[in-house]
Protein backbone atom coordinates (compact mmCIF):
# COMPACT_ATOMS: atom_id res chain seq x y z
CA MET A 1 49.30 54.29 76.79
CA ALA A 2 50.91 56.24 73.97
CA ALA A 3 52.19 58.77 76.42
CA MET A 4 53.97 56.03 78.38
CA CYS A 5 55.99 55.13 75.28
CA LEU A 6 57.46 58.62 74.82
CA ALA A 7 61.16 58.92 75.54
CA PRO A 8 62.11 61.42 78.25
CA ALA A 9 63.18 64.84 76.99
CA ALA A 10 66.93 65.11 76.50
CA GLN A 11 68.62 67.02 79.30
CA ALA A 12 70.92 69.61 77.82
CA GLY A 13 74.21 70.19 79.58
CA THR A 14 75.30 73.15 81.67
CA VAL A 15 77.53 75.67 79.90
CA THR A 16 80.42 76.68 82.15
CA VAL A 17 81.72 80.16 81.33
CA VAL A 18 85.06 81.43 82.64
CA THR A 19 84.99 85.22 82.54
CA SER A 20 86.56 88.32 84.02
CA PHE A 21 83.40 90.36 83.50
CA PRO A 22 81.36 91.81 86.39
CA LYS A 23 78.22 90.12 87.69
CA GLU A 24 75.97 92.85 86.27
CA LEU A 25 76.96 91.77 82.76
CA THR A 26 77.13 88.02 83.23
CA GLN A 27 73.83 87.83 85.12
CA ALA A 28 72.03 89.76 82.37
CA TYR A 29 73.26 87.32 79.71
CA LYS A 30 72.61 84.26 81.87
CA THR A 31 69.01 85.33 82.55
CA ALA A 32 68.21 86.29 78.95
CA PHE A 33 69.83 83.20 77.41
CA GLU A 34 68.23 80.73 79.83
CA LYS A 35 64.84 82.31 79.16
CA ALA A 36 65.35 81.87 75.41
CA ASN A 37 66.81 78.35 75.83
CA PRO A 38 64.89 76.69 78.69
CA GLY A 39 66.86 73.44 78.58
CA ILE A 40 70.32 74.98 79.00
CA LYS A 41 71.85 76.37 82.20
CA ILE A 42 74.73 78.84 82.35
CA GLU A 43 77.30 78.52 85.14
CA ILE A 44 79.58 81.54 85.62
CA LEU A 45 83.11 81.15 87.02
CA ASN A 46 84.45 84.65 87.69
CA LYS A 47 88.23 84.86 87.48
CA ASN A 48 90.56 87.60 86.37
CA THR A 49 91.99 87.08 82.90
CA VAL A 50 95.33 85.62 83.98
CA GLN A 51 93.69 83.25 86.49
CA GLY A 52 91.12 82.21 83.89
CA MET A 53 93.81 81.36 81.33
CA ALA A 54 95.71 79.26 83.88
CA TYR A 55 92.54 77.49 85.06
CA ILE A 56 91.63 76.43 81.51
CA ARG A 57 95.16 75.41 80.62
CA GLU A 58 95.69 73.21 83.68
CA LEU A 59 92.47 71.17 83.57
CA PRO A 60 92.51 67.93 81.55
CA ALA A 61 90.43 67.52 78.36
CA GLY A 62 86.87 66.51 79.19
CA GLN A 63 86.95 68.50 82.43
CA LYS A 64 87.58 71.92 80.97
CA PRO A 65 85.00 74.71 81.08
CA ASP A 66 83.17 75.49 77.84
CA VAL A 67 83.55 79.21 77.18
CA PHE A 68 86.27 81.81 77.79
CA TRP A 69 84.93 85.39 77.75
CA ALA A 70 87.15 88.41 78.49
CA SER A 71 88.32 91.78 77.22
CA ALA A 72 91.95 91.17 76.34
CA PRO A 73 92.63 90.12 72.73
CA ASP A 74 96.27 89.43 73.57
CA ALA A 75 95.11 86.86 76.14
CA PHE A 76 93.09 85.10 73.45
CA GLU A 77 96.17 85.09 71.21
CA VAL A 78 98.08 83.35 73.99
CA MET A 79 95.26 80.79 74.35
CA ALA A 80 95.13 80.23 70.60
CA GLY A 81 98.88 79.68 70.52
CA GLN A 82 98.49 77.00 73.21
CA LYS A 83 95.81 75.20 71.10
CA GLN A 84 93.19 75.87 73.77
CA LEU A 85 90.47 77.24 71.44
CA GLU A 86 88.13 75.69 68.84
CA ASN A 87 87.16 77.22 65.50
CA ILE A 88 83.82 79.06 65.74
CA ALA A 89 83.96 81.15 62.56
CA ASP A 90 80.51 79.87 61.55
CA LEU A 91 78.96 81.51 64.64
CA ALA A 92 80.02 85.05 63.72
CA ASN A 93 77.36 87.72 63.19
CA LYS A 94 77.57 88.27 59.43
CA ALA A 95 76.23 91.82 59.80
CA ALA A 96 79.24 92.95 61.84
CA PRO A 97 81.96 94.93 60.02
CA ALA A 98 85.24 93.12 59.41
CA LYS A 99 87.24 95.70 61.37
CA VAL A 100 87.03 98.51 63.88
CA GLY A 101 89.66 100.97 62.67
CA ASN A 102 92.37 98.63 61.38
CA TYR A 103 91.71 95.93 63.97
CA PRO A 104 89.81 92.73 63.00
CA ILE A 105 86.62 92.31 65.02
CA ASN A 106 86.84 88.50 64.76
CA ASN A 107 90.01 86.42 64.86
CA PRO A 108 90.98 85.82 61.20
CA GLN A 109 91.54 82.11 61.98
CA GLY A 110 88.07 81.84 63.54
CA LEU A 111 89.38 80.87 66.99
CA TYR A 112 87.51 83.63 68.84
CA LEU A 113 84.89 86.24 68.09
CA GLY A 114 84.57 89.89 69.02
CA GLN A 115 81.54 90.16 71.32
CA ALA A 116 81.78 93.85 72.24
CA LEU A 117 84.17 96.72 71.53
CA ALA A 118 86.23 98.58 74.10
CA GLY A 119 88.52 101.56 74.46
CA TYR A 120 90.65 102.74 77.36
CA GLY A 121 90.69 106.02 79.19
CA LEU A 122 90.00 108.19 82.22
CA MET A 123 87.05 107.86 84.58
CA SER A 124 86.56 110.92 86.79
CA ASN A 125 84.32 111.67 89.76
CA THR A 126 83.10 115.20 89.03
CA ARG A 127 82.18 115.95 92.65
CA TYR A 128 85.59 114.79 93.87
CA LEU A 129 87.38 116.97 91.31
CA ALA A 130 85.30 120.02 92.26
CA ALA A 131 85.81 119.46 96.00
CA ASN A 132 89.59 119.13 95.52
CA LYS A 133 89.77 121.97 92.96
CA LEU A 134 91.25 119.63 90.34
CA PRO A 135 90.91 120.24 86.60
CA PRO A 136 89.42 117.47 84.47
CA ALA A 137 92.05 115.22 82.86
CA ARG A 138 91.77 114.44 79.16
CA GLN A 139 95.11 112.77 78.33
CA TRP A 140 97.37 110.22 80.03
CA ALA A 141 100.06 112.92 80.13
CA ASP A 142 97.80 115.08 82.33
CA LEU A 143 97.99 112.47 85.08
CA VAL A 144 101.71 113.02 85.72
CA LYS A 145 101.04 116.57 86.98
CA PRO A 146 101.71 117.30 90.66
CA ALA A 147 98.10 118.41 91.19
CA TYR A 148 96.92 114.80 90.86
CA PHE A 149 99.28 113.35 93.50
CA SER A 150 97.34 110.83 95.66
CA HIS A 151 94.11 111.38 93.70
CA LEU A 152 94.49 108.55 91.13
CA ALA A 153 93.99 104.80 91.09
CA MET A 154 94.71 101.93 88.74
CA SER A 155 95.00 98.17 88.93
CA SER A 156 97.93 95.93 88.01
CA PRO A 157 98.24 94.24 84.59
CA SER A 158 98.99 90.94 86.32
CA ARG A 159 95.62 91.13 88.08
CA SER A 160 93.54 92.65 85.30
CA GLY A 161 93.49 91.96 81.57
CA THR A 162 91.91 95.36 80.90
CA THR A 163 94.67 97.12 82.85
CA HIS A 164 97.22 95.15 80.84
CA LEU A 165 95.61 96.51 77.67
CA THR A 166 95.67 100.05 79.07
CA VAL A 167 99.38 99.79 79.96
CA GLU A 168 100.20 98.19 76.62
CA THR A 169 98.24 100.89 74.76
CA ILE A 170 100.38 103.57 76.45
CA LEU A 171 103.57 101.64 75.65
CA GLN A 172 102.58 101.23 72.01
CA GLY A 173 101.43 104.82 71.69
CA GLU A 174 104.43 106.48 73.36
CA GLY A 175 107.20 103.95 72.75
CA TRP A 176 108.88 101.74 75.37
CA ASP A 177 111.04 104.24 77.29
CA LYS A 178 108.68 107.23 77.16
CA GLY A 179 105.68 104.96 77.84
CA TRP A 180 107.24 103.44 80.95
CA ALA A 181 108.34 106.88 82.17
CA GLN A 182 104.72 108.03 81.87
CA ILE A 183 103.34 104.91 83.56
CA LEU A 184 105.80 105.21 86.45
CA GLN A 185 104.93 108.89 86.97
CA ILE A 186 101.19 108.13 86.87
CA ALA A 187 101.68 105.28 89.34
CA GLY A 188 103.69 107.58 91.59
CA ASN A 189 100.62 109.85 91.72
CA CYS A 190 98.31 106.92 92.56
CA ALA A 191 96.71 106.54 95.97
CA ALA A 192 96.37 102.79 95.33
CA ILE A 193 97.08 99.92 92.95
CA THR A 194 93.89 97.93 93.47
CA GLU A 195 93.64 94.14 93.86
CA ARG A 196 91.09 93.80 91.03
CA SER A 197 90.14 96.00 88.11
CA PHE A 198 86.67 96.46 89.72
CA GLY A 199 88.31 98.27 92.64
CA VAL A 200 89.13 101.28 90.47
CA PRO A 201 85.63 102.12 89.14
CA ASP A 202 84.06 101.25 92.49
CA GLY A 203 86.45 103.71 94.16
CA VAL A 204 85.76 106.46 91.60
CA ASN A 205 81.98 105.93 91.80
CA SER A 206 82.08 106.21 95.60
CA GLY A 207 84.42 109.21 95.64
CA GLN A 208 87.35 107.34 97.20
CA PHE A 209 89.47 108.27 94.16
CA GLY A 210 89.22 111.25 91.84
CA ILE A 211 90.36 109.62 88.60
CA GLY A 212 90.82 106.01 87.56
CA LEU A 213 92.51 104.42 84.55
CA VAL A 214 89.87 102.02 83.24
CA ILE A 215 88.32 100.27 80.28
CA ASP A 216 85.44 102.36 78.95
CA PHE A 217 82.55 100.20 80.12
CA PHE A 218 83.46 100.79 83.77
CA GLY A 219 83.23 104.55 83.26
CA LEU A 220 80.15 104.42 81.05
CA ALA A 221 78.33 102.04 83.43
CA GLY A 222 78.99 104.45 86.30
CA LYS A 223 77.77 107.42 84.28
CA TYR A 224 74.62 105.78 82.91
CA SER A 225 73.81 104.28 86.32
CA GLY A 226 73.61 107.77 87.80
CA PHE A 227 76.96 108.20 89.56
CA PRO A 228 78.63 111.64 89.29
CA VAL A 229 81.25 110.40 86.84
CA GLU A 230 82.47 111.15 83.33
CA PHE A 231 84.64 109.11 81.00
CA HIS A 232 87.12 110.46 78.44
CA TYR A 233 89.06 108.69 75.69
CA PRO A 234 92.56 110.18 75.42
CA ASP A 235 94.18 110.62 72.00
CA VAL A 236 96.53 107.74 72.79
CA THR A 237 93.91 105.02 72.97
CA ALA A 238 92.90 101.97 71.00
CA VAL A 239 89.55 100.38 70.25
CA VAL A 240 89.71 96.58 70.26
CA PRO A 241 87.21 93.74 70.68
CA ALA A 242 86.32 92.03 73.92
CA ASN A 243 86.18 88.40 72.91
CA ILE A 244 84.40 85.10 73.43
CA ALA A 245 85.71 81.63 72.56
CA LEU A 246 84.90 77.93 72.72
CA VAL A 247 87.44 75.99 74.78
CA THR A 248 89.05 72.91 73.24
CA GLY A 249 87.97 69.85 75.24
CA ALA A 250 84.78 71.57 76.43
CA LYS A 251 82.25 69.36 78.25
CA ASN A 252 79.18 70.73 76.48
CA ALA A 253 80.35 72.18 73.19
CA ALA A 254 76.97 72.10 71.39
CA GLU A 255 75.22 74.14 74.08
CA ALA A 256 78.26 76.42 74.42
CA ARG A 257 78.07 77.20 70.70
CA LYS A 258 74.45 78.29 71.17
CA PHE A 259 75.45 80.63 73.98
CA ILE A 260 78.31 82.16 71.95
CA ALA A 261 75.99 82.68 68.97
CA TYR A 262 73.46 84.36 71.27
CA THR A 263 76.01 86.86 72.64
CA VAL A 264 76.86 88.15 69.16
CA SER A 265 73.25 88.13 67.86
CA MET A 266 71.18 91.32 67.63
CA GLU A 267 69.35 90.38 70.83
CA GLY A 268 72.62 89.70 72.64
CA GLN A 269 74.16 92.91 71.36
CA GLN A 270 71.23 95.03 72.54
CA LEU A 271 71.83 93.80 76.10
CA LEU A 272 75.07 95.79 76.03
CA TYR A 273 73.05 99.02 76.28
CA ASP A 274 71.75 98.09 79.76
CA PRO A 275 72.95 101.00 81.97
CA LYS A 276 74.65 98.57 84.37
CA ILE A 277 76.61 97.03 81.45
CA SER A 278 77.23 99.99 79.10
CA ARG A 279 79.43 98.26 76.56
CA LEU A 280 79.91 99.10 72.89
CA PRO A 281 78.34 96.68 70.38
CA ILE A 282 80.25 95.14 67.47
CA LEU A 283 77.50 96.48 65.19
CA PRO A 284 77.53 100.18 64.17
CA PRO A 285 74.89 102.32 65.95
CA GLU A 286 72.80 102.63 62.79
CA GLN A 287 72.36 98.83 62.78
CA MET A 288 71.23 98.64 66.41
CA GLY A 289 67.57 99.47 65.86
CA GLY A 290 67.68 102.91 67.46
CA LYS A 291 68.43 101.44 70.90
CA ALA A 292 71.61 103.42 71.64
CA PRO A 293 71.24 105.88 74.57
CA ALA A 294 71.59 109.59 73.77
CA GLY A 295 75.23 110.67 73.59
CA TYR A 296 76.49 107.07 73.61
CA PRO A 297 80.03 106.70 72.19
CA ASN A 298 80.44 105.41 68.64
CA PRO A 299 83.46 103.05 68.75
CA PHE A 300 83.94 103.19 64.99
CA GLU A 301 84.35 106.99 65.15
CA ILE A 302 86.67 106.74 68.18
CA ALA A 303 88.80 104.18 66.32
CA LYS A 304 89.20 106.55 63.37
CA ARG A 305 90.83 109.23 65.52
CA ALA A 306 92.69 106.94 67.96
CA LYS A 307 96.46 107.30 67.67
CA VAL A 308 97.23 103.66 68.50
CA GLN A 309 96.71 100.82 66.05
CA PHE A 310 96.91 98.08 68.67
CA ASP A 311 99.36 95.26 67.86
CA SER A 312 98.12 92.16 69.71
CA ASP A 313 101.11 90.07 68.52
CA LEU A 314 103.52 92.52 70.14
CA SER A 315 101.39 92.62 73.29
CA GLU A 316 101.21 88.81 73.43
CA ALA A 317 104.99 88.44 72.99
CA ARG A 318 105.82 90.65 76.00
CA TYR A 319 102.66 89.99 78.03
CA ASN A 320 104.41 88.35 81.01
CA VAL A 321 107.40 90.70 80.96
CA VAL A 322 105.21 93.82 81.14
CA SER A 323 103.18 92.33 83.99
CA ALA A 324 106.29 91.27 85.93
CA MET A 325 108.00 94.64 85.47
CA PHE A 326 104.91 96.49 86.65
CA ASP A 327 104.56 94.38 89.79
CA GLN A 328 108.22 94.42 90.79
CA THR A 329 108.72 98.15 90.21
CA ILE A 330 105.24 99.53 90.97
CA THR A 331 102.76 97.20 92.71
CA PHE A 332 105.24 95.91 95.32
CA ARG A 333 107.19 99.19 95.58
CA LEU A 334 104.33 101.68 95.53
CA LYS A 335 105.18 103.39 98.83
CA ASP A 336 108.78 103.92 97.73
CA LEU A 337 107.65 105.27 94.34
CA GLN A 338 105.07 107.55 96.00
CA ALA A 339 107.72 108.95 98.37
CA ALA A 340 110.13 109.67 95.50
CA THR A 341 107.36 111.27 93.44
CA LYS A 342 106.22 113.48 96.33
CA ALA A 343 109.79 114.69 96.93
CA ILE A 344 110.26 115.43 93.21
CA HIS A 345 106.98 117.37 93.03
CA GLU A 346 107.88 119.48 96.07
CA ALA A 347 111.35 120.30 94.79
CA GLU A 348 110.05 121.16 91.32
CA ALA A 349 107.50 123.54 92.83
CA ALA A 350 110.26 125.27 94.78
CA LEU A 351 112.51 125.40 91.69
CA ALA A 352 109.76 127.11 89.71
CA LYS A 353 109.76 129.94 92.25
CA LYS A 354 113.55 130.14 92.64
CA PRO A 355 115.57 129.00 89.59
CA ASN A 356 118.84 127.24 90.43
CA ALA A 357 120.92 125.40 87.83
CA GLN A 358 122.51 122.99 90.31
CA ALA A 359 119.15 122.10 91.86
CA ALA A 360 117.68 121.61 88.38
CA ALA A 361 120.49 119.18 87.52
CA LEU A 362 119.86 117.20 90.71
CA LEU A 363 116.16 117.03 89.91
CA LYS A 364 116.88 115.69 86.43
CA GLN A 365 118.98 112.96 88.02
CA ALA A 366 116.14 112.24 90.45
CA ARG A 367 113.61 111.88 87.63
CA ASP A 368 115.94 109.62 85.65
CA ALA A 369 116.42 107.41 88.70
CA ALA A 370 112.71 107.18 89.48
CA TYR A 371 111.15 106.95 86.03
CA SER A 372 113.42 104.76 83.90
CA PRO A 373 112.20 101.22 83.10
CA ALA A 374 113.88 98.19 84.63
CA VAL A 375 114.40 96.75 81.15
CA GLY A 376 115.45 98.76 78.11
CA PRO A 377 113.80 98.58 74.69
CA ARG A 378 116.53 96.39 73.22
CA MET A 379 116.08 93.68 75.86
CA ALA A 380 112.28 94.06 75.66
CA GLY A 381 112.50 93.05 72.00
CA ASP A 382 114.87 90.10 72.54
CA LYS A 383 113.06 86.89 71.61
CA ASP A 384 115.07 84.67 73.98
CA PHE A 385 114.44 87.03 76.89
CA LEU A 386 110.70 87.18 76.15
CA ALA A 387 110.53 83.39 75.69
CA LEU A 388 111.97 82.90 79.18
CA PHE A 389 108.93 84.64 80.68
CA SER A 390 106.56 82.57 78.54
CA ALA A 391 108.19 79.25 79.46
CA ASN A 392 106.73 76.84 82.02
CA LYS A 393 107.65 78.11 85.48
CA LYS A 394 107.26 74.58 86.85
CA ASP A 395 110.63 73.97 85.22
CA ALA A 396 113.07 74.61 88.09
CA SER A 397 115.74 76.27 85.95
CA VAL A 398 113.20 78.58 84.28
CA ASN A 399 111.67 79.50 87.63
CA LYS A 400 115.09 80.23 89.09
CA GLN A 401 116.03 82.55 86.21
CA VAL A 402 112.72 84.43 86.23
CA THR A 403 112.67 84.76 90.02
CA GLY A 404 116.27 86.00 89.96
CA LEU A 405 115.46 88.68 87.42
CA GLU A 406 112.34 89.78 89.29
CA ASP A 407 114.27 90.00 92.57
CA ARG A 408 116.90 92.18 90.89
CA TRP A 409 114.23 94.48 89.44
CA SER A 410 112.57 94.83 92.83
CA THR A 411 115.84 95.54 94.64
CA ALA A 412 116.97 98.00 91.98
CA ALA A 413 113.60 99.79 92.08
CA LYS A 414 113.86 100.28 95.84
CA GLU A 415 117.40 101.65 95.48
CA HIS A 416 116.45 103.94 92.57
CA TYR A 417 113.44 105.39 94.38
CA ALA A 418 115.51 106.01 97.51
CA LYS A 419 118.19 107.70 95.38
CA ALA A 420 115.56 109.82 93.62
CA LYS A 421 114.07 110.91 96.93
CA THR A 422 117.51 111.83 98.31
CA LEU A 423 118.44 113.81 95.19
CA ALA A 424 115.12 115.67 95.25
CA GLU A 425 115.60 116.50 98.93
CA GLN A 426 119.11 117.77 98.21
CA ALA A 427 117.72 119.99 95.48
CA MET A 428 115.05 121.21 97.89
CA GLY A 429 117.75 122.07 100.43
CA MET A 430 119.40 124.39 97.91
CA LEU A 431 116.11 126.17 97.27
CA ARG A 432 115.21 127.04 100.86
């Protein structure tokens, strides 16, 4: 009889997690957490960072997902600015250092926590490089060399938060004009701008591409899973946290808080060493109980020598402008940029064998036409201009202005690449 009087066990809610991370990572955390918390289920919604931000923003309170989990700290700054995140400072792992390099591991206002650390660099397929007689690349600047034409791949910052961080790291490390010139030359050497960030490491692992520009865990996961790949951090890199946050208006906040706390706990951090995940913990290696694989990178040491102290406020302010410029001048104009780059490489090779001042002058004009950014540094720092790209595009006047600018960038890019190709071909004609 006593048993009949017992109340039924409370049914905990399902925690809905919006994340850009690959299934190998999310499935490992889902399985381990559900085993440790039998009453709670984890539902994973996989979206790229930009899609995830929009999805959370557009749903009404009470219907929003519970957790946002992604690599890009600038994306979390955008979310925080939109009042989309709850304070979770009390869930932080107290053993974690305050900073990696000069960068805070947890948001100082407590609106999101660092869950792993990440740097950006070059993932290479060693067999591909050997077969194509290509030297290993160590720096971003190496990738502009003619030898790498058609052997590279990267994604677009509008499709991938980690690619946005990579592009922004180059811009912050080299400066606006020099950074864009380098990015445009690298893109001109690319065989593809992939639809998702996963397309780059998948292509390098399989030998479709020789070198990919990726976040470190893609390269490390390939290496430690047995693919013939290596990963290198260039000097111009940054080490920043991948973050996790509780969404304001979450359906199951109490259970979501348990999941967030689990991901930053010692047990959750040790999952990062799974070969299929291969991420860098927020705890120094000496605090990880001897679990680090042999030769595993130490993010705190990498951060000490990294030449970029990443500025997430700057990245947040120009987030949409950088993405739009990349798409209009690279993603949607890749064939034109490739053709100009190929013509420039061929003419430069001929010029090296047969010096000619007039041809050299034409080639300089060609490079200027092909590798100058659509927007100069002065405009890129203009608050009103940047605000236009952050405004609500559902506003007809805003949408008209932004679309007009993007159309002009796209048209100008096509004209500039055609001009560069013509100038390079003229120079080549003088060298025959």
